[in-house]
Amino acid sequence: MGVDRLKVKVSSKVPENYNGHPLYTMENCTSCKACQRACKQEAIIIDVDAKSDGRKMLRSYILDFGKCNYCGECAKKCPNDTIIMVEDFGKMEEIVGSEVYDISKFIELKKELRLRDYKVSHFENPDNCIGCQLCVLTCPVSAISVVRNEKEVTININPDLCGGCGECIRNCPALALGFTDYRGWD
């Protein structure tokens, strides 16, 4: 399941003041939009549903590499180190070019680059699960599914789809979910 992309060289010269290509890892993202506010090029667009009870649900994260000037301000302003800068201009230019990346493309890019260990959601305390399905509703990449039968609800998390954003963990009222290390992409 690869990302379709055109491998196009945008330029062969490293831009002045190049601080790397931003990589949105999703890990520990709180949907605060600090990266969007920091981006003077308006290359980052985030859609978040804010609920009346204070919960935030990340709906989309878009980064337009055609607008990005690689200044690194998005990574500097992120309070949770969710954005990291990949400082391999040639490789990143070949891979991302001037494309527009969404959450699913960033997950594929993380797999392709294998930059570090990854965290994904899992049931840390499965007996706590009350079957409310908030984890399913808040997952921006549809990595969580539910199976209902007459007597029980089963929640499944697909670690290959999970980007590690933690939306499900933050929104779980029963504290059933947590992070775990995942190395299944090797």
Protein backbone atom coordinates (compact mmCIF):
# COMPACT_ATOMS: atom_id res chain seq x y z
CA MET A 1 0.00 0.00 0.00
CA GLY A 2 2.25 2.82 -1.21
CA VAL A 3 1.59 6.45 -1.77
CA ASP A 4 1.28 7.37 -5.43
CA ARG A 5 3.60 10.24 -6.17
CA LEU A 6 5.47 11.78 -9.02
CA LYS A 7 9.19 11.77 -8.39
CA VAL A 8 10.00 15.23 -9.66
CA LYS A 9 13.09 17.28 -8.89
CA VAL A 10 11.88 20.75 -7.95
CA SER A 11 15.38 22.22 -7.91
CA SER A 12 18.85 20.89 -7.37
CA LYS A 13 19.98 23.78 -5.18
CA VAL A 14 19.45 23.74 -1.43
CA PRO A 15 17.43 26.85 -0.50
CA GLU A 16 19.13 29.52 1.56
CA ASN A 17 18.30 29.16 5.27
CA TYR A 18 17.23 25.54 4.73
CA ASN A 19 16.38 23.97 8.10
CA GLY A 20 14.99 20.71 6.77
CA HIS A 21 11.69 19.42 5.48
CA PRO A 22 8.95 19.35 8.12
CA LEU A 23 7.60 15.90 8.88
CA TYR A 24 4.29 15.83 10.75
CA THR A 25 4.60 12.66 12.85
CA MET A 26 1.14 12.93 14.48
CA GLU A 27 2.73 11.66 17.71
CA ASN A 28 1.31 13.51 20.71
CA CYS A 29 -0.40 16.13 18.54
CA THR A 30 -2.87 18.09 20.63
CA SER A 31 -4.43 19.93 17.67
CA CYS A 32 -3.27 23.25 19.15
CA LYS A 33 -2.53 24.74 15.70
CA ALA A 34 0.75 26.33 16.89
CA CYS A 35 2.44 25.08 13.71
CA GLN A 36 -0.26 26.62 11.53
CA ARG A 37 0.04 29.97 13.29
CA ALA A 38 3.86 29.87 12.98
CA CYS A 39 3.78 29.24 9.22
CA LYS A 40 4.11 32.62 7.49
CA GLN A 41 3.78 30.90 4.10
CA GLU A 42 0.34 29.51 5.06
CA ALA A 43 1.54 26.07 3.97
CA ILE A 44 -0.15 24.33 6.92
CA ILE A 45 -3.92 24.03 7.26
CA ILE A 46 -5.45 22.17 10.18
CA ASP A 47 -9.14 21.36 10.63
CA VAL A 48 -10.18 20.66 14.22
CA ASP A 49 -13.62 20.10 15.70
CA ALA A 50 -13.77 21.68 19.15
CA LYS A 51 -16.50 20.13 21.28
CA SER A 52 -18.40 22.01 23.99
CA ASP A 53 -16.84 19.81 26.69
CA GLY A 54 -13.31 20.89 25.65
CA ARG A 55 -12.39 17.86 23.57
CA LYS A 56 -10.68 18.50 20.25
CA MET A 57 -10.95 16.18 17.29
CA LEU A 58 -8.36 16.50 14.54
CA ARG A 59 -10.15 16.21 11.22
CA SER A 60 -7.32 17.01 8.82
CA TYR A 61 -3.74 18.19 8.66
CA ILE A 62 -2.49 19.51 5.32
CA LEU A 63 1.03 20.68 4.49
CA ASP A 64 1.65 22.13 1.03
CA PHE A 65 5.33 21.59 0.25
CA GLY A 66 4.93 23.90 -2.76
CA LYS A 67 4.40 26.80 -0.34
CA CYS A 68 6.85 25.66 2.37
CA ASN A 69 10.10 27.65 2.66
CA TYR A 70 11.68 25.08 5.05
CA CYS A 71 12.24 27.67 7.78
CA GLY A 72 11.44 25.22 10.58
CA GLU A 73 9.22 27.61 12.54
CA CYS A 74 6.43 25.02 12.64
CA ALA A 75 8.72 22.55 14.42
CA LYS A 76 10.11 25.22 16.77
CA LYS A 77 6.64 26.32 17.87
CA CYS A 78 5.22 22.81 18.34
CA PRO A 79 5.01 22.24 22.11
CA ASN A 80 5.07 18.43 21.76
CA ASP A 81 7.79 17.83 19.15
CA THR A 82 5.13 16.47 16.81
CA ILE A 83 6.89 18.02 13.82
CA ILE A 84 10.48 17.06 13.15
CA MET A 85 12.77 18.47 10.49
CA VAL A 86 14.32 16.01 8.03
CA GLU A 87 17.59 17.55 6.86
CA ASP A 88 18.22 15.48 3.73
CA PHE A 89 17.28 17.97 1.03
CA GLY A 90 18.00 15.75 -1.98
CA LYS A 91 16.08 12.74 -0.70
CA MET A 92 13.12 14.76 0.58
CA GLU A 93 12.93 16.82 -2.58
CA GLU A 94 12.77 13.62 -4.60
CA ILE A 95 10.11 12.08 -2.36
CA VAL A 96 7.80 15.03 -1.59
CA GLY A 97 8.69 17.60 -4.25
CA SER A 98 6.05 20.30 -4.11
CA GLU A 99 3.16 17.97 -3.29
CA VAL A 100 0.40 18.56 -0.77
CA TYR A 101 0.57 16.08 2.11
CA ASP A 102 -2.32 15.00 4.30
CA ILE A 103 -2.30 12.71 7.35
CA SER A 104 -2.34 9.47 5.36
CA LYS A 105 0.57 10.62 3.16
CA PHE A 106 2.55 11.57 6.28
CA ILE A 107 1.98 8.11 7.75
CA GLU A 108 3.33 6.56 4.54
CA LEU A 109 6.28 8.97 4.59
CA LYS A 110 7.10 7.99 8.19
CA LYS A 111 7.13 4.35 7.13
CA GLU A 112 9.32 5.08 4.11
CA LEU A 113 11.87 7.15 6.05
CA ARG A 114 12.00 4.90 9.15
CA LEU A 115 13.39 7.80 11.14
CA ARG A 116 12.74 6.51 14.65
CA ASP A 117 10.65 4.18 16.73
CA TYR A 118 6.95 4.85 16.47
CA LYS A 119 4.20 4.97 19.02
CA VAL A 120 0.74 3.69 18.24
CA SER A 121 -2.43 3.38 20.30
CA HIS A 122 -3.34 0.14 21.99
CA PHE A 123 -5.57 -1.07 24.80
CA GLU A 124 -3.54 -0.50 27.93
CA ASN A 125 -6.49 -1.29 30.21
CA PRO A 126 -8.98 -3.23 28.04
CA ASP A 127 -11.22 -4.05 31.00
CA ASN A 128 -11.85 -0.31 31.40
CA CYS A 129 -13.42 0.00 27.93
CA ILE A 130 -17.09 0.99 28.21
CA GLY A 131 -17.82 0.69 24.47
CA CYS A 132 -18.62 4.38 24.02
CA GLN A 133 -16.76 4.46 20.68
CA LEU A 134 -15.26 7.94 21.21
CA CYS A 135 -11.95 6.46 20.08
CA VAL A 136 -13.56 5.46 16.78
CA LEU A 137 -15.13 8.90 16.32
CA THR A 138 -11.95 10.84 17.13
CA CYS A 139 -9.47 8.84 15.02
CA PRO A 140 -8.51 11.05 12.05
CA VAL A 141 -7.18 8.12 10.00
CA SER A 142 -9.89 5.52 10.68
CA ALA A 143 -7.42 3.15 12.37
CA ILE A 144 -10.00 2.15 14.96
CA SER A 145 -13.07 0.09 14.18
CA VAL A 146 -15.88 -1.40 16.19
CA VAL A 147 -17.66 -4.75 15.97
CA ARG A 148 -20.95 -5.08 17.82
CA ASN A 149 -22.88 -8.19 18.59
CA GLU A 150 -25.81 -8.70 20.94
CA LYS A 151 -23.76 -8.90 24.12
CA GLU A 152 -20.52 -6.99 23.59
CA VAL A 153 -18.62 -4.33 21.70
CA THR A 154 -15.15 -5.09 20.36
CA ILE A 155 -12.84 -2.22 19.50
CA ASN A 156 -9.98 -2.98 17.09
CA ILE A 157 -6.92 -0.78 16.47
CA ASN A 158 -4.98 -1.32 13.24
CA PRO A 159 -1.36 -0.39 14.10
CA ASP A 160 -0.45 -0.13 10.42
CA LEU A 161 -2.93 2.73 10.01
CA CYS A 162 -2.40 4.41 13.39
CA GLY A 163 -0.22 7.50 13.23
CA GLY A 164 0.21 7.86 16.98
CA CYS A 165 -1.55 11.19 17.36
CA GLY A 166 -3.18 10.21 20.65
CA GLU A 167 -6.61 11.66 19.84
CA CYS A 168 -8.27 8.42 20.95
CA ILE A 169 -6.24 8.31 24.17
CA ARG A 170 -7.03 11.92 25.13
CA ASN A 171 -10.73 11.42 24.40
CA CYS A 172 -11.21 8.05 26.14
CA PRO A 173 -13.33 8.67 29.25
CA ALA A 174 -12.49 5.22 30.66
CA LEU A 175 -8.68 5.54 30.34
CA ALA A 176 -8.57 2.26 28.45
CA LEU A 177 -6.05 3.33 25.81
CA GLY A 178 -2.35 4.13 25.86
CA PHE A 179 0.73 4.24 23.63
CA THR A 180 2.99 1.34 22.77
CA ASP A 181 6.14 1.08 20.67
CA TYR A 182 5.58 -0.35 17.22
CA ARG A 183 8.14 -1.68 14.80
CA GLY A 184 5.83 -3.43 12.33
CA TRP A 185 6.87 -1.26 9.39
CA ASP A 186 10.35 -2.76 9.03
